[in-house]
Amino acid sequence: MENFMKNHTPMRMALIAIFFVVGLALVIGGWALSGVMAGLLIQLLGTVLLLTALFVYNAAYKEPRHRPVQKK
């Protein structure tokens, strides 16, 4: 997946922007519903989308895992 994210920068940036804007809107909208359980759930969903934006951002910079070198 990291190669896909490295090679498709415009799509990665669009995904980050969409997840960030929608997530932030959900957090602020859920905050406006303070005292209601639905407001908390909306805020949690917004937090998940913000973390997803962070995951998509970091996916391009992930280094591949290497197997440890075995000594003979």
PDB file of N, CA and C in Angstrom:
ATOM      1  N   MET A   1       0.822  -1.199   0.000  1.00  0.00           N
ATOM      2  CA  MET A   1       0.000   0.000   0.000  1.00  0.00           C
ATOM      3  C   MET A   1       0.862   1.257   0.000  1.00  0.00           C
ATOM      4  N   GLU A   2       2.063   1.167   0.593  1.00  0.00           N
ATOM      5  CA  GLU A   2       2.896   2.365   0.648  1.00  0.00           C
ATOM      6  C   GLU A   2       3.361   2.803  -0.730  1.00  0.00           C
ATOM      7  N   ASN A   3       3.590   1.860  -1.653  1.00  0.00           N
ATOM      8  CA  ASN A   3       3.971   2.243  -3.010  1.00  0.00           C
ATOM      9  C   ASN A   3       2.823   2.940  -3.718  1.00  0.00           C
ATOM     10  N   PHE A   4       1.605   2.469  -3.493  1.00  0.00           N
ATOM     11  CA  PHE A   4       0.443   3.104  -4.092  1.00  0.00           C
ATOM     12  C   PHE A   4       0.310   4.532  -3.599  1.00  0.00           C
ATOM     13  N   MET A   5       0.499   4.742  -2.306  1.00  0.00           N
ATOM     14  CA  MET A   5       0.366   6.085  -1.745  1.00  0.00           C
ATOM     15  C   MET A   5       1.496   7.002  -2.208  1.00  0.00           C
ATOM     16  N   LYS A   6       2.679   6.462  -2.425  1.00  0.00           N
ATOM     17  CA  LYS A   6       3.791   7.281  -2.904  1.00  0.00           C
ATOM     18  C   LYS A   6       3.577   7.702  -4.349  1.00  0.00           C
ATOM     19  N   ASN A   7       2.995   6.814  -5.161  1.00  0.00           N
ATOM     20  CA  ASN A   7       2.851   7.081  -6.588  1.00  0.00           C
ATOM     21  C   ASN A   7       1.628   7.912  -6.937  1.00  0.00           C
ATOM     22  N   HIS A   8       0.656   8.022  -6.062  1.00  0.00           N
ATOM     23  CA  HIS A   8      -0.586   8.741  -6.350  1.00  0.00           C
ATOM     24  C   HIS A   8      -0.764   9.900  -5.355  1.00  0.00           C
ATOM     25  N   THR A   9       0.139  10.840  -5.418  1.00  0.00           N
ATOM     26  CA  THR A   9       0.132  11.960  -4.476  1.00  0.00           C
ATOM     27  C   THR A   9      -1.128  12.814  -4.553  1.00  0.00           C
ATOM     28  N   PRO A  10      -1.639  13.179  -5.735  1.00  0.00           N
ATOM     29  CA  PRO A  10      -2.856  14.001  -5.749  1.00  0.00           C
ATOM     30  C   PRO A  10      -4.059  13.305  -5.112  1.00  0.00           C
ATOM     31  N   MET A  11      -4.184  12.004  -5.338  1.00  0.00           N
ATOM     32  CA  MET A  11      -5.298  11.288  -4.727  1.00  0.00           C
ATOM     33  C   MET A  11      -5.109  11.197  -3.217  1.00  0.00           C
ATOM     34  N   ARG A  12      -3.869  11.002  -2.777  1.00  0.00           N
ATOM     35  CA  ARG A  12      -3.593  10.954  -1.341  1.00  0.00           C
ATOM     36  C   ARG A  12      -3.939  12.283  -0.684  1.00  0.00           C
ATOM     37  N   MET A  13      -3.562  13.378  -1.320  1.00  0.00           N
ATOM     38  CA  MET A  13      -3.858  14.692  -0.755  1.00  0.00           C
ATOM     39  C   MET A  13      -5.361  14.962  -0.717  1.00  0.00           C
ATOM     40  N   ALA A  14      -6.079  14.504  -1.748  1.00  0.00           N
ATOM     41  CA  ALA A  14      -7.532  14.672  -1.754  1.00  0.00           C
ATOM     42  C   ALA A  14      -8.185  13.870  -0.638  1.00  0.00           C
ATOM     43  N   LEU A  15      -7.726  12.640  -0.434  1.00  0.00           N
ATOM     44  CA  LEU A  15      -8.271  11.820   0.650  1.00  0.00           C
ATOM     45  C   LEU A  15      -8.002  12.455   2.009  1.00  0.00           C
ATOM     46  N   ILE A  16      -6.797  12.965   2.192  1.00  0.00           N
ATOM     47  CA  ILE A  16      -6.455  13.608   3.455  1.00  0.00           C
ATOM     48  C   ILE A  16      -7.359  14.814   3.689  1.00  0.00           C
ATOM     49  N   ALA A  17      -7.549  15.624   2.664  1.00  0.00           N
ATOM     50  CA  ALA A  17      -8.383  16.818   2.803  1.00  0.00           C
ATOM     51  C   ALA A  17      -9.837  16.458   3.114  1.00  0.00           C
ATOM     52  N   ILE A  18     -10.359  15.444   2.432  1.00  0.00           N
ATOM     53  CA  ILE A  18     -11.752  15.036   2.667  1.00  0.00           C
ATOM     54  C   ILE A  18     -11.920  14.504   4.085  1.00  0.00           C
ATOM     55  N   PHE A  19     -11.034  13.589   4.493  1.00  0.00           N
ATOM     56  CA  PHE A  19     -11.144  13.033   5.845  1.00  0.00           C
ATOM     57  C   PHE A  19     -10.984  14.118   6.908  1.00  0.00           C
ATOM     58  N   PHE A  20     -10.078  15.055   6.677  1.00  0.00           N
ATOM     59  CA  PHE A  20      -9.845  16.109   7.658  1.00  0.00           C
ATOM     60  C   PHE A  20     -11.044  17.043   7.787  1.00  0.00           C
ATOM     61  N   VAL A  21     -11.562  17.502   6.666  1.00  0.00           N
ATOM     62  CA  VAL A  21     -12.675  18.462   6.702  1.00  0.00           C
ATOM     63  C   VAL A  21     -13.936  17.809   7.276  1.00  0.00           C
ATOM     64  N   VAL A  22     -14.254  16.608   6.822  1.00  0.00           N
ATOM     65  CA  VAL A  22     -15.456  15.930   7.321  1.00  0.00           C
ATOM     66  C   VAL A  22     -15.285  15.579   8.799  1.00  0.00           C
ATOM     67  N   GLY A  23     -14.109  15.098   9.177  1.00  0.00           N
ATOM     68  CA  GLY A  23     -13.864  14.763  10.574  1.00  0.00           C
ATOM     69  C   GLY A  23     -13.963  15.970  11.485  1.00  0.00           C
ATOM     70  N   LEU A  24     -13.380  17.073  11.069  1.00  0.00           N
ATOM     71  CA  LEU A  24     -13.446  18.292  11.866  1.00  0.00           C
ATOM     72  C   LEU A  24     -14.883  18.801  11.975  1.00  0.00           C
ATOM     73  N   ALA A  25     -15.633  18.715  10.879  1.00  0.00           N
ATOM     74  CA  ALA A  25     -17.036  19.139  10.912  1.00  0.00           C
ATOM     75  C   ALA A  25     -17.853  18.259  11.864  1.00  0.00           C
ATOM     76  N   LEU A  26     -17.577  16.962  11.868  1.00  0.00           N
ATOM     77  CA  LEU A  26     -18.306  16.078  12.776  1.00  0.00           C
ATOM     78  C   LEU A  26     -17.946  16.335  14.235  1.00  0.00           C
ATOM     79  N   VAL A  27     -16.697  16.608  14.512  1.00  0.00           N
ATOM     80  CA  VAL A  27     -16.304  16.905  15.892  1.00  0.00           C
ATOM     81  C   VAL A  27     -16.965  18.186  16.374  1.00  0.00           C
ATOM     82  N   ILE A  28     -16.953  19.215  15.544  1.00  0.00           N
ATOM     83  CA  ILE A  28     -17.574  20.487  15.934  1.00  0.00           C
ATOM     84  C   ILE A  28     -19.089  20.336  16.019  1.00  0.00           C
ATOM     85  N   GLY A  29     -19.695  19.607  15.059  1.00  0.00           N
ATOM     86  CA  GLY A  29     -21.144  19.383  15.098  1.00  0.00           C
ATOM     87  C   GLY A  29     -21.571  18.562  16.305  1.00  0.00           C
ATOM     88  N   GLY A  30     -20.780  17.568  16.674  1.00  0.00           N
ATOM     89  CA  GLY A  30     -21.090  16.773  17.858  1.00  0.00           C
ATOM     90  C   GLY A  30     -20.907  17.569  19.136  1.00  0.00           C
ATOM     91  N   TRP A  31     -19.969  18.490  19.113  1.00  0.00           N
ATOM     92  CA  TRP A  31     -19.739  19.349  20.275  1.00  0.00           C
ATOM     93  C   TRP A  31     -20.947  20.256  20.509  1.00  0.00           C
ATOM     94  N   ALA A  32     -21.602  20.669  19.435  1.00  0.00           N
ATOM     95  CA  ALA A  32     -22.786  21.514  19.559  1.00  0.00           C
ATOM     96  C   ALA A  32     -23.939  20.749  20.212  1.00  0.00           C
ATOM     97  N   LEU A  33     -23.914  19.425  20.149  1.00  0.00           N
ATOM     98  CA  LEU A  33     -24.956  18.603  20.761  1.00  0.00           C
ATOM     99  C   LEU A  33     -24.515  18.095  22.136  1.00  0.00           C
ATOM    100  N   SER A  34     -23.933  18.951  22.940  1.00  0.00           N
ATOM    101  CA  SER A  34     -23.429  18.513  24.236  1.00  0.00           C
ATOM    102  C   SER A  34     -24.597  18.099  25.129  1.00  0.00           C
ATOM    103  N   GLY A  35     -24.394  17.033  25.873  1.00  0.00           N
ATOM    104  CA  GLY A  35     -25.430  16.521  26.755  1.00  0.00           C
ATOM    105  C   GLY A  35     -26.300  15.464  26.113  1.00  0.00           C
ATOM    106  N   VAL A  36     -26.054  15.166  24.848  1.00  0.00           N
ATOM    107  CA  VAL A  36     -26.836  14.161  24.126  1.00  0.00           C
ATOM    108  C   VAL A  36     -25.879  13.047  23.707  1.00  0.00           C
ATOM    109  N   MET A  37     -26.319  11.795  23.851  1.00  0.00           N
ATOM    110  CA  MET A  37     -25.451  10.669  23.496  1.00  0.00           C
ATOM    111  C   MET A  37     -25.090  10.690  22.012  1.00  0.00           C
ATOM    112  N   ALA A  38     -25.995  11.145  21.164  1.00  0.00           N
ATOM    113  CA  ALA A  38     -25.708  11.214  19.733  1.00  0.00           C
ATOM    114  C   ALA A  38     -24.551  12.175  19.457  1.00  0.00           C
ATOM    115  N   GLY A  39     -24.439  13.237  20.248  1.00  0.00           N
ATOM    116  CA  GLY A  39     -23.332  14.175  20.077  1.00  0.00           C
ATOM    117  C   GLY A  39     -21.984  13.521  20.344  1.00  0.00           C
ATOM    118  N   LEU A  40     -21.946  12.679  21.388  1.00  0.00           N
ATOM    119  CA  LEU A  40     -20.710  11.970  21.688  1.00  0.00           C
ATOM    120  C   LEU A  40     -20.350  11.003  20.571  1.00  0.00           C
ATOM    121  N   LEU A  41     -21.317  10.285  20.057  1.00  0.00           N
ATOM    122  CA  LEU A  41     -21.053   9.338  18.968  1.00  0.00           C
ATOM    123  C   LEU A  41     -20.583  10.050  17.709  1.00  0.00           C
ATOM    124  N   ILE A  42     -21.153  11.207  17.440  1.00  0.00           N
ATOM    125  CA  ILE A  42     -20.730  11.996  16.275  1.00  0.00           C
ATOM    126  C   ILE A  42     -19.298  12.473  16.460  1.00  0.00           C
ATOM    127  N   GLN A  43     -18.955  12.889  17.678  1.00  0.00           N
ATOM    128  CA  GLN A  43     -17.586  13.311  17.945  1.00  0.00           C
ATOM    129  C   GLN A  43     -16.606  12.153  17.801  1.00  0.00           C
ATOM    130  N   LEU A  44     -16.987  10.983  18.262  1.00  0.00           N
ATOM    131  CA  LEU A  44     -16.117   9.816  18.124  1.00  0.00           C
ATOM    132  C   LEU A  44     -15.900   9.450  16.654  1.00  0.00           C
ATOM    133  N   LEU A  45     -16.956   9.528  15.865  1.00  0.00           N
ATOM    134  CA  LEU A  45     -16.817   9.263  14.435  1.00  0.00           C
ATOM    135  C   LEU A  45     -15.896  10.291  13.780  1.00  0.00           C
ATOM    136  N   GLY A  46     -16.017  11.545  14.182  1.00  0.00           N
ATOM    137  CA  GLY A  46     -15.128  12.586  13.663  1.00  0.00           C
ATOM    138  C   GLY A  46     -13.685  12.347  14.046  1.00  0.00           C
ATOM    139  N   THR A  47     -13.465  11.865  15.279  1.00  0.00           N
ATOM    140  CA  THR A  47     -12.109  11.559  15.723  1.00  0.00           C
ATOM    141  C   THR A  47     -11.521  10.408  14.915  1.00  0.00           C
ATOM    142  N   VAL A  48     -12.349   9.406  14.608  1.00  0.00           N
ATOM    143  CA  VAL A  48     -11.886   8.290  13.778  1.00  0.00           C
ATOM    144  C   VAL A  48     -11.496   8.792  12.388  1.00  0.00           C
ATOM    145  N   LEU A  49     -12.259   9.696  11.822  1.00  0.00           N
ATOM    146  CA  LEU A  49     -11.918  10.232  10.500  1.00  0.00           C
ATOM    147  C   LEU A  49     -10.636  11.071  10.547  1.00  0.00           C
ATOM    148  N   LEU A  50     -10.429  11.813  11.624  1.00  0.00           N
ATOM    149  CA  LEU A  50      -9.184  12.577  11.753  1.00  0.00           C
ATOM    150  C   LEU A  50      -7.981  11.638  11.877  1.00  0.00           C
ATOM    151  N   LEU A  51      -8.134  10.556  12.615  1.00  0.00           N
ATOM    152  CA  LEU A  51      -7.050   9.581  12.716  1.00  0.00           C
ATOM    153  C   LEU A  51      -6.820   8.863  11.389  1.00  0.00           C
ATOM    154  N   THR A  52      -7.877   8.664  10.621  1.00  0.00           N
ATOM    155  CA  THR A  52      -7.737   8.062   9.299  1.00  0.00           C
ATOM    156  C   THR A  52      -6.949   8.985   8.373  1.00  0.00           C
ATOM    157  N   ALA A  53      -7.203  10.287   8.463  1.00  0.00           N
ATOM    158  CA  ALA A  53      -6.429  11.249   7.665  1.00  0.00           C
ATOM    159  C   ALA A  53      -4.949  11.173   8.038  1.00  0.00           C
ATOM    160  N   LEU A  54      -4.665  11.016   9.321  1.00  0.00           N
ATOM    161  CA  LEU A  54      -3.277  10.883   9.760  1.00  0.00           C
ATOM    162  C   LEU A  54      -2.659   9.583   9.249  1.00  0.00           C
ATOM    163  N   PHE A  55      -3.433   8.503   9.256  1.00  0.00           N
ATOM    164  CA  PHE A  55      -2.954   7.223   8.741  1.00  0.00           C
ATOM    165  C   PHE A  55      -2.628   7.320   7.251  1.00  0.00           C
ATOM    166  N   VAL A  56      -3.492   7.966   6.478  1.00  0.00           N
ATOM    167  CA  VAL A  56      -3.258   8.115   5.036  1.00  0.00           C
ATOM    168  C   VAL A  56      -2.025   8.971   4.791  1.00  0.00           C
ATOM    169  N   TYR A  57      -1.836  10.009   5.586  1.00  0.00           N
ATOM    170  CA  TYR A  57      -0.651  10.857   5.442  1.00  0.00           C
ATOM    171  C   TYR A  57       0.625  10.056   5.701  1.00  0.00           C
ATOM    172  N   ASN A  58       0.619   9.264   6.763  1.00  0.00           N
ATOM    173  CA  ASN A  58       1.820   8.516   7.144  1.00  0.00           C
ATOM    174  C   ASN A  58       2.074   7.306   6.269  1.00  0.00           C
ATOM    175  N   ALA A  59       1.103   6.843   5.520  1.00  0.00           N
ATOM    176  CA  ALA A  59       1.262   5.634   4.708  1.00  0.00           C
ATOM    177  C   ALA A  59       2.341   5.811   3.636  1.00  0.00           C
ATOM    178  N   ALA A  60       2.529   7.014   3.142  1.00  0.00           N
ATOM    179  CA  ALA A  60       3.524   7.239   2.093  1.00  0.00           C
ATOM    180  C   ALA A  60       4.951   7.208   2.643  1.00  0.00           C
ATOM    181  N   TYR A  61       5.116   7.427   3.933  1.00  0.00           N
ATOM    182  CA  TYR A  61       6.446   7.510   4.518  1.00  0.00           C
ATOM    183  C   TYR A  61       6.832   6.255   5.296  1.00  0.00           C
ATOM    184  N   LYS A  62       6.006   5.248   5.217  1.00  0.00           N
ATOM    185  CA  LYS A  62       6.278   4.006   5.934  1.00  0.00           C
ATOM    186  C   LYS A  62       7.420   3.263   5.248  1.00  0.00           C
ATOM    187  N   GLU A  63       8.384   2.856   6.036  1.00  0.00           N
ATOM    188  CA  GLU A  63       9.514   2.113   5.492  1.00  0.00           C
ATOM    189  C   GLU A  63       9.164   0.632   5.461  1.00  0.00           C
ATOM    190  N   PRO A  64       9.582  -0.065   4.427  1.00  0.00           N
ATOM    191  CA  PRO A  64       9.294  -1.501   4.377  1.00  0.00           C
ATOM    192  C   PRO A  64      10.055  -2.238   5.469  1.00  0.00           C
ATOM    193  N   ARG A  65       9.427  -3.264   5.991  1.00  0.00           N
ATOM    194  CA  ARG A  65      10.077  -4.065   7.024  1.00  0.00           C
ATOM    195  C   ARG A  65      11.061  -5.027   6.384  1.00  0.00           C
ATOM    196  N   HIS A  66      12.180  -5.161   7.007  1.00  0.00           N
ATOM    197  CA  HIS A  66      13.204  -6.076   6.521  1.00  0.00           C
ATOM    198  C   HIS A  66      13.364  -7.205   7.523  1.00  0.00           C
ATOM    199  N   ARG A  67      13.640  -8.369   7.003  1.00  0.00           N
ATOM    200  CA  ARG A  67      13.920  -9.496   7.891  1.00  0.00           C
ATOM    201  C   ARG A  67      15.308  -9.315   8.483  1.00  0.00           C
ATOM    202  N   PRO A  68      15.465  -9.705   9.727  1.00  0.00           N
ATOM    203  CA  PRO A  68      16.810  -9.583  10.328  1.00  0.00           C
ATOM    204  C   PRO A  68      17.825 -10.482   9.622  1.00  0.00           C
ATOM    205  N   VAL A  69      19.016 -10.017   9.516  1.00  0.00           N
ATOM    206  CA  VAL A  69      20.078 -10.773   8.865  1.00  0.00           C
ATOM    207  C   VAL A  69      20.546 -11.858   9.814  1.00  0.00           C
ATOM    208  N   GLN A  70      20.568 -13.083   9.303  1.00  0.00           N
ATOM    209  CA  GLN A  70      21.003 -14.194  10.131  1.00  0.00           C
ATOM    210  C   GLN A  70      22.500 -14.386  10.000  1.00  0.00           C
ATOM    211  N   LYS A  71      23.142 -14.520  11.128  1.00  0.00           N
ATOM    212  CA  LYS A  71      24.591 -14.733  11.126  1.00  0.00           C
ATOM    213  C   LYS A  71      24.869 -16.226  10.956  1.00  0.00           C
ATOM    214  N   LYS A  72      25.914 -16.524  10.193  1.00  0.00           N
ATOM    215  CA  LYS A  72      26.282 -17.922   9.949  1.00  0.00           C
ATOM    216  C   LYS A  72      27.318 -18.402  10.929  1.00  0.00           C
TER     217      LYS A  72
END
